[in-house]
């Protein structure tokens, strides 16, 4: 971020009733600008480069699941963090993707101002488009500081969202297998 962002943060501190020149805050505008640049780096991620042609022809027909992918994002309504776990599955159609690309995809979209619902759909749609599998399932579970720190001040609630495409949407057995497998992991059964 630019020194222009630092100037905005300096002004914001003053608007909040703080003295941005006091010892503890002198370097805060620069730190906040760098933190915001890092937290929103997803705007500059090239999704094609992220995948880096890591698609491989493999005759594998069963579900591939990558679960418990930690993510952090900023709510676009309050610019407060929300964070949690993503669980992603797909059924290949002759082609698989390098497993590390899935958490990288989550991070690319999470590092933007977001709502959890949109984040869920972006991940599912992109994986479905790039991989062309038989189906994709995505479940995100997150805690939102905008609900914890302000408003209802509910510290124990989590939001869950899902996006099911292809056979995950059309075949209840596939959907239930996926949801059952991530439920077992979450509850430790």
C-alpha atoms as a PDB file:
ATOM      1  CA  UNK A   1       0.000   0.000   0.000  1.00  0.00           C
ATOM      2  CA  UNK A   2       1.077   3.539  -0.580  1.00  0.00           C
ATOM      3  CA  UNK A   3       2.015   6.378   1.669  1.00  0.00           C
ATOM      4  CA  UNK A   4      -1.434   7.680   0.711  1.00  0.00           C
ATOM      5  CA  UNK A   5      -2.927   4.770   2.682  1.00  0.00           C
ATOM      6  CA  UNK A   6      -0.661   5.660   5.596  1.00  0.00           C
ATOM      7  CA  UNK A   7      -1.999   9.225   5.508  1.00  0.00           C
ATOM      8  CA  UNK A   8      -5.580   7.890   5.600  1.00  0.00           C
ATOM      9  CA  UNK A   9      -4.756   5.724   8.608  1.00  0.00           C
ATOM     10  CA  UNK A  10      -3.112   8.709  10.300  1.00  0.00           C
ATOM     11  CA  UNK A  11      -6.318  10.719   9.733  1.00  0.00           C
ATOM     12  CA  UNK A  12      -8.463   7.809  10.941  1.00  0.00           C
ATOM     13  CA  UNK A  13      -6.509   7.604  14.199  1.00  0.00           C
ATOM     14  CA  UNK A  14      -7.076  11.306  14.721  1.00  0.00           C
ATOM     15  CA  UNK A  15     -10.821  10.901  13.949  1.00  0.00           C
ATOM     16  CA  UNK A  16     -11.017   8.144  16.575  1.00  0.00           C
ATOM     17  CA  UNK A  17      -9.717  10.617  19.160  1.00  0.00           C
ATOM     18  CA  UNK A  18      -6.147   9.324  19.251  1.00  0.00           C
ATOM     19  CA  UNK A  19      -2.882  11.158  18.930  1.00  0.00           C
ATOM     20  CA  UNK A  20      -1.147   9.500  15.962  1.00  0.00           C
ATOM     21  CA  UNK A  21       2.114  11.164  17.024  1.00  0.00           C
ATOM     22  CA  UNK A  22       2.297   9.468  20.429  1.00  0.00           C
ATOM     23  CA  UNK A  23       5.016   6.860  20.861  1.00  0.00           C
ATOM     24  CA  UNK A  24       2.840   3.750  20.514  1.00  0.00           C
ATOM     25  CA  UNK A  25       1.107   4.999  17.357  1.00  0.00           C
ATOM     26  CA  UNK A  26       3.890   6.731  15.395  1.00  0.00           C
ATOM     27  CA  UNK A  27       4.565   3.711  13.183  1.00  0.00           C
ATOM     28  CA  UNK A  28       0.991   2.386  13.208  1.00  0.00           C
ATOM     29  CA  UNK A  29      -0.095   3.921   9.866  1.00  0.00           C
ATOM     30  CA  UNK A  30       2.754   2.131   8.072  1.00  0.00           C
ATOM     31  CA  UNK A  31       2.103  -1.147   9.886  1.00  0.00           C
ATOM     32  CA  UNK A  32      -1.624  -0.982   9.102  1.00  0.00           C
ATOM     33  CA  UNK A  33      -0.936  -0.162   5.435  1.00  0.00           C
ATOM     34  CA  UNK A  34       1.426  -3.158   5.131  1.00  0.00           C
ATOM     35  CA  UNK A  35      -1.034  -5.429   6.955  1.00  0.00           C
ATOM     36  CA  UNK A  36      -3.888  -4.381   4.665  1.00  0.00           C
ATOM     37  CA  UNK A  37      -1.709  -4.981   1.602  1.00  0.00           C
ATOM     38  CA  UNK A  38      -0.960  -8.505   2.837  1.00  0.00           C
ATOM     39  CA  UNK A  39      -4.528  -9.290   3.892  1.00  0.00           C
ATOM     40  CA  UNK A  40      -5.906  -8.154   0.516  1.00  0.00           C
ATOM     41  CA  UNK A  41      -3.168  -9.623  -1.686  1.00  0.00           C
ATOM     42  CA  UNK A  42      -5.752 -11.852  -3.380  1.00  0.00           C
ATOM     43  CA  UNK A  43      -6.761  -9.007  -5.656  1.00  0.00           C
ATOM     44  CA  UNK A  44      -3.378  -9.377  -7.350  1.00  0.00           C
ATOM     45  CA  UNK A  45      -3.381 -13.180  -7.631  1.00  0.00           C
ATOM     46  CA  UNK A  46      -3.533 -14.542 -11.168  1.00  0.00           C
ATOM     47  CA  UNK A  47      -5.633 -17.698 -10.844  1.00  0.00           C
ATOM     48  CA  UNK A  48      -4.148 -19.256 -13.997  1.00  0.00           C
ATOM     49  CA  UNK A  49      -0.638 -18.768 -12.619  1.00  0.00           C
ATOM     50  CA  UNK A  50      -1.786 -20.148  -9.273  1.00  0.00           C
ATOM     51  CA  UNK A  51      -2.708 -23.455 -10.945  1.00  0.00           C
ATOM     52  CA  UNK A  52       0.518 -23.345 -12.966  1.00  0.00           C
ATOM     53  CA  UNK A  53      -0.687 -26.156 -15.247  1.00  0.00           C
ATOM     54  CA  UNK A  54      -0.684 -28.572 -12.290  1.00  0.00           C
ATOM     55  CA  UNK A  55      -3.397 -30.699 -13.927  1.00  0.00           C
ATOM     56  CA  UNK A  56      -2.575 -34.343 -14.492  1.00  0.00           C
ATOM     57  CA  UNK A  57      -4.316 -37.052 -16.500  1.00  0.00           C
ATOM     58  CA  UNK A  58      -5.076 -39.853 -14.032  1.00  0.00           C
ATOM     59  CA  UNK A  59      -7.693 -42.582 -14.197  1.00  0.00           C
ATOM     60  CA  UNK A  60      -9.040 -41.999 -10.691  1.00  0.00           C
ATOM     61  CA  UNK A  61     -12.804 -42.052 -10.228  1.00  0.00           C
ATOM     62  CA  UNK A  62     -13.337 -41.607  -6.487  1.00  0.00           C
ATOM     63  CA  UNK A  63     -13.802 -38.484  -4.393  1.00  0.00           C
ATOM     64  CA  UNK A  64     -10.753 -36.356  -3.585  1.00  0.00           C
ATOM     65  CA  UNK A  65     -11.132 -34.311  -0.386  1.00  0.00           C
ATOM     66  CA  UNK A  66      -8.906 -31.632   1.076  1.00  0.00           C
ATOM     67  CA  UNK A  67     -10.366 -30.603   4.412  1.00  0.00           C
ATOM     68  CA  UNK A  68      -9.588 -28.346   7.315  1.00  0.00           C
ATOM     69  CA  UNK A  69      -7.985 -25.687   5.120  1.00  0.00           C
ATOM     70  CA  UNK A  70      -7.525 -22.694   7.405  1.00  0.00           C
ATOM     71  CA  UNK A  71      -8.465 -19.345   5.929  1.00  0.00           C
ATOM     72  CA  UNK A  72      -8.684 -15.724   7.050  1.00  0.00           C
ATOM     73  CA  UNK A  73     -10.623 -12.986   5.319  1.00  0.00           C
ATOM     74  CA  UNK A  74     -12.108  -9.535   5.877  1.00  0.00           C
ATOM     75  CA  UNK A  75     -15.854  -8.979   5.925  1.00  0.00           C
ATOM     76  CA  UNK A  76     -16.692  -6.488   3.209  1.00  0.00           C
ATOM     77  CA  UNK A  77     -19.451  -4.961   5.350  1.00  0.00           C
ATOM     78  CA  UNK A  78     -17.374  -4.011   8.422  1.00  0.00           C
ATOM     79  CA  UNK A  79     -13.784  -4.803   7.354  1.00  0.00           C
ATOM     80  CA  UNK A  80     -13.496  -7.065  10.388  1.00  0.00           C
ATOM     81  CA  UNK A  81     -11.922 -10.517  10.135  1.00  0.00           C
ATOM     82  CA  UNK A  82     -13.724 -13.776   9.647  1.00  0.00           C
ATOM     83  CA  UNK A  83     -11.841 -17.034   9.723  1.00  0.00           C
ATOM     84  CA  UNK A  84     -12.385 -20.743   9.738  1.00  0.00           C
ATOM     85  CA  UNK A  85     -11.953 -23.950   7.791  1.00  0.00           C
ATOM     86  CA  UNK A  86     -12.720 -24.889   4.210  1.00  0.00           C
ATOM     87  CA  UNK A  87     -13.543 -28.446   3.164  1.00  0.00           C
ATOM     88  CA  UNK A  88     -13.313 -29.108  -0.571  1.00  0.00           C
ATOM     89  CA  UNK A  89     -14.001 -32.217  -2.608  1.00  0.00           C
ATOM     90  CA  UNK A  90     -14.187 -33.122  -6.251  1.00  0.00           C
ATOM     91  CA  UNK A  91     -14.711 -36.231  -8.328  1.00  0.00           C
ATOM     92  CA  UNK A  92     -12.223 -36.313 -11.211  1.00  0.00           C
ATOM     93  CA  UNK A  93     -13.275 -36.742 -14.801  1.00  0.00           C
ATOM     94  CA  UNK A  94      -9.930 -38.073 -16.074  1.00  0.00           C
ATOM     95  CA  UNK A  95      -7.902 -35.204 -14.616  1.00  0.00           C
ATOM     96  CA  UNK A  96      -6.677 -34.286 -11.124  1.00  0.00           C
ATOM     97  CA  UNK A  97      -5.066 -31.137  -9.741  1.00  0.00           C
ATOM     98  CA  UNK A  98      -2.002 -30.867  -7.530  1.00  0.00           C
ATOM     99  CA  UNK A  99      -3.356 -30.965  -3.972  1.00  0.00           C
ATOM    100  CA  UNK A 100      -1.460 -27.854  -2.856  1.00  0.00           C
ATOM    101  CA  UNK A 101      -3.345 -25.789  -5.441  1.00  0.00           C
ATOM    102  CA  UNK A 102      -6.618 -26.194  -3.541  1.00  0.00           C
ATOM    103  CA  UNK A 103      -5.517 -24.343  -0.354  1.00  0.00           C
ATOM    104  CA  UNK A 104      -3.825 -21.749  -2.576  1.00  0.00           C
ATOM    105  CA  UNK A 105      -7.130 -21.182  -4.372  1.00  0.00           C
ATOM    106  CA  UNK A 106      -8.890 -20.707  -1.032  1.00  0.00           C
ATOM    107  CA  UNK A 107      -6.252 -18.188   0.038  1.00  0.00           C
ATOM    108  CA  UNK A 108      -6.422 -16.264  -3.249  1.00  0.00           C
ATOM    109  CA  UNK A 109     -10.133 -15.572  -2.813  1.00  0.00           C
ATOM    110  CA  UNK A 110     -10.048 -15.207   0.988  1.00  0.00           C
ATOM    111  CA  UNK A 111      -7.453 -12.437   0.766  1.00  0.00           C
ATOM    112  CA  UNK A 112     -10.024  -9.960  -0.514  1.00  0.00           C
ATOM    113  CA  UNK A 113     -12.892  -8.086   1.051  1.00  0.00           C
ATOM    114  CA  UNK A 114     -15.504 -10.823   1.109  1.00  0.00           C
ATOM    115  CA  UNK A 115     -18.718 -12.310   2.322  1.00  0.00           C
ATOM    116  CA  UNK A 116     -18.543 -15.978   3.191  1.00  0.00           C
ATOM    117  CA  UNK A 117     -21.278 -16.911   0.720  1.00  0.00           C
ATOM    118  CA  UNK A 118     -19.430 -15.357  -2.226  1.00  0.00           C
ATOM    119  CA  UNK A 119     -16.119 -16.871  -1.132  1.00  0.00           C
ATOM    120  CA  UNK A 120     -17.703 -20.340  -1.098  1.00  0.00           C
ATOM    121  CA  UNK A 121     -19.125 -19.941  -4.612  1.00  0.00           C
ATOM    122  CA  UNK A 122     -15.909 -18.454  -6.053  1.00  0.00           C
ATOM    123  CA  UNK A 123     -13.885 -21.450  -4.873  1.00  0.00           C
ATOM    124  CA  UNK A 124     -16.400 -23.995  -6.195  1.00  0.00           C
ATOM    125  CA  UNK A 125     -16.967 -22.258  -9.538  1.00  0.00           C
ATOM    126  CA  UNK A 126     -13.246 -21.807 -10.219  1.00  0.00           C
ATOM    127  CA  UNK A 127     -12.357 -25.404  -9.394  1.00  0.00           C
ATOM    128  CA  UNK A 128     -15.279 -26.648 -11.515  1.00  0.00           C
ATOM    129  CA  UNK A 129     -14.288 -24.452 -14.468  1.00  0.00           C
ATOM    130  CA  UNK A 130     -10.554 -25.193 -14.363  1.00  0.00           C
ATOM    131  CA  UNK A 131     -10.665 -28.911 -13.560  1.00  0.00           C
ATOM    132  CA  UNK A 132     -13.894 -29.892 -15.352  1.00  0.00           C
ATOM    133  CA  UNK A 133     -14.610 -32.670 -12.837  1.00  0.00           C
ATOM    134  CA  UNK A 134     -17.811 -34.669 -12.446  1.00  0.00           C
ATOM    135  CA  UNK A 135     -18.593 -32.483  -9.473  1.00  0.00           C
ATOM    136  CA  UNK A 136     -17.291 -30.165  -6.768  1.00  0.00           C
ATOM    137  CA  UNK A 137     -18.386 -29.704  -3.164  1.00  0.00           C
ATOM    138  CA  UNK A 138     -17.251 -26.831  -0.962  1.00  0.00           C
ATOM    139  CA  UNK A 139     -18.191 -26.220   2.681  1.00  0.00           C
ATOM    140  CA  UNK A 140     -16.868 -23.262   4.673  1.00  0.00           C
ATOM    141  CA  UNK A 141     -17.264 -22.913   8.429  1.00  0.00           C
ATOM    142  CA  UNK A 142     -16.273 -19.561   9.882  1.00  0.00           C
ATOM    143  CA  UNK A 143     -16.431 -17.314  12.872  1.00  0.00           C
ATOM    144  CA  UNK A 144     -17.128 -13.650  12.147  1.00  0.00           C
ATOM    145  CA  UNK A 145     -15.692 -10.979  14.406  1.00  0.00           C
ATOM    146  CA  UNK A 146     -18.402  -8.579  13.218  1.00  0.00           C
ATOM    147  CA  UNK A 147     -20.836 -10.832  15.122  1.00  0.00           C
ATOM    148  CA  UNK A 148     -18.472 -11.457  18.035  1.00  0.00           C
ATOM    149  CA  UNK A 149     -17.141  -7.953  18.724  1.00  0.00           C
ATOM    150  CA  UNK A 150     -20.149  -5.834  17.771  1.00  0.00           C
ATOM    151  CA  UNK A 151     -23.837  -6.184  17.013  1.00  0.00           C
ATOM    152  CA  UNK A 152     -25.164  -9.364  18.637  1.00  0.00           C
ATOM    153  CA  UNK A 153     -21.816  -9.995  20.412  1.00  0.00           C
ATOM    154  CA  UNK A 154     -22.231 -13.740  20.077  1.00  0.00           C
ATOM    155  CA  UNK A 155     -18.849 -15.349  20.652  1.00  0.00           C
ATOM    156  CA  UNK A 156     -19.871 -18.959  20.062  1.00  0.00           C
ATOM    157  CA  UNK A 157     -21.631 -18.973  16.696  1.00  0.00           C
ATOM    158  CA  UNK A 158     -20.150 -20.208  13.433  1.00  0.00           C
ATOM    159  CA  UNK A 159     -21.561 -19.692   9.963  1.00  0.00           C
ATOM    160  CA  UNK A 160     -21.566 -22.594   7.505  1.00  0.00           C
ATOM    161  CA  UNK A 161     -21.977 -22.189   3.750  1.00  0.00           C
ATOM    162  CA  UNK A 162     -21.853 -24.677   0.912  1.00  0.00           C
ATOM    163  CA  UNK A 163     -21.696 -24.817  -2.842  1.00  0.00           C
ATOM    164  CA  UNK A 164     -22.396 -28.090  -4.617  1.00  0.00           C
ATOM    165  CA  UNK A 165     -21.873 -28.458  -8.372  1.00  0.00           C
ATOM    166  CA  UNK A 166     -22.309 -31.348 -10.791  1.00  0.00           C
ATOM    167  CA  UNK A 167     -22.860 -34.712  -9.104  1.00  0.00           C
ATOM    168  CA  UNK A 168     -22.569 -33.098  -5.662  1.00  0.00           C
ATOM    169  CA  UNK A 169     -25.687 -31.114  -6.518  1.00  0.00           C
ATOM    170  CA  UNK A 170     -27.554 -33.810  -8.438  1.00  0.00           C
ATOM    171  CA  UNK A 171     -26.769 -37.012  -6.521  1.00  0.00           C
ATOM    172  CA  UNK A 172     -27.762 -37.126  -2.852  1.00  0.00           C
ATOM    173  CA  UNK A 173     -25.488 -40.126  -2.208  1.00  0.00           C
ATOM    174  CA  UNK A 174     -22.422 -38.181  -3.342  1.00  0.00           C
ATOM    175  CA  UNK A 175     -23.442 -35.122  -1.332  1.00  0.00           C
ATOM    176  CA  UNK A 176     -24.106 -37.213   1.788  1.00  0.00           C
ATOM    177  CA  UNK A 177     -20.788 -39.062   1.445  1.00  0.00           C
ATOM    178  CA  UNK A 178     -18.932 -35.742   1.322  1.00  0.00           C
ATOM    179  CA  UNK A 179     -20.860 -34.199   4.207  1.00  0.00           C
ATOM    180  CA  UNK A 180     -20.478 -37.389   6.245  1.00  0.00           C
ATOM    181  CA  UNK A 181     -16.727 -37.492   5.710  1.00  0.00           C
ATOM    182  CA  UNK A 182     -16.193 -33.898   6.777  1.00  0.00           C
ATOM    183  CA  UNK A 183     -18.594 -34.332   9.724  1.00  0.00           C
ATOM    184  CA  UNK A 184     -16.585 -37.281  11.005  1.00  0.00           C
ATOM    185  CA  UNK A 185     -13.418 -35.203  10.800  1.00  0.00           C
ATOM    186  CA  UNK A 186     -14.940 -32.200  12.543  1.00  0.00           C
ATOM    187  CA  UNK A 187     -16.541 -34.186  15.372  1.00  0.00           C
ATOM    188  CA  UNK A 188     -13.633 -36.612  15.686  1.00  0.00           C
ATOM    189  CA  UNK A 189     -15.804 -39.717  15.208  1.00  0.00           C
END
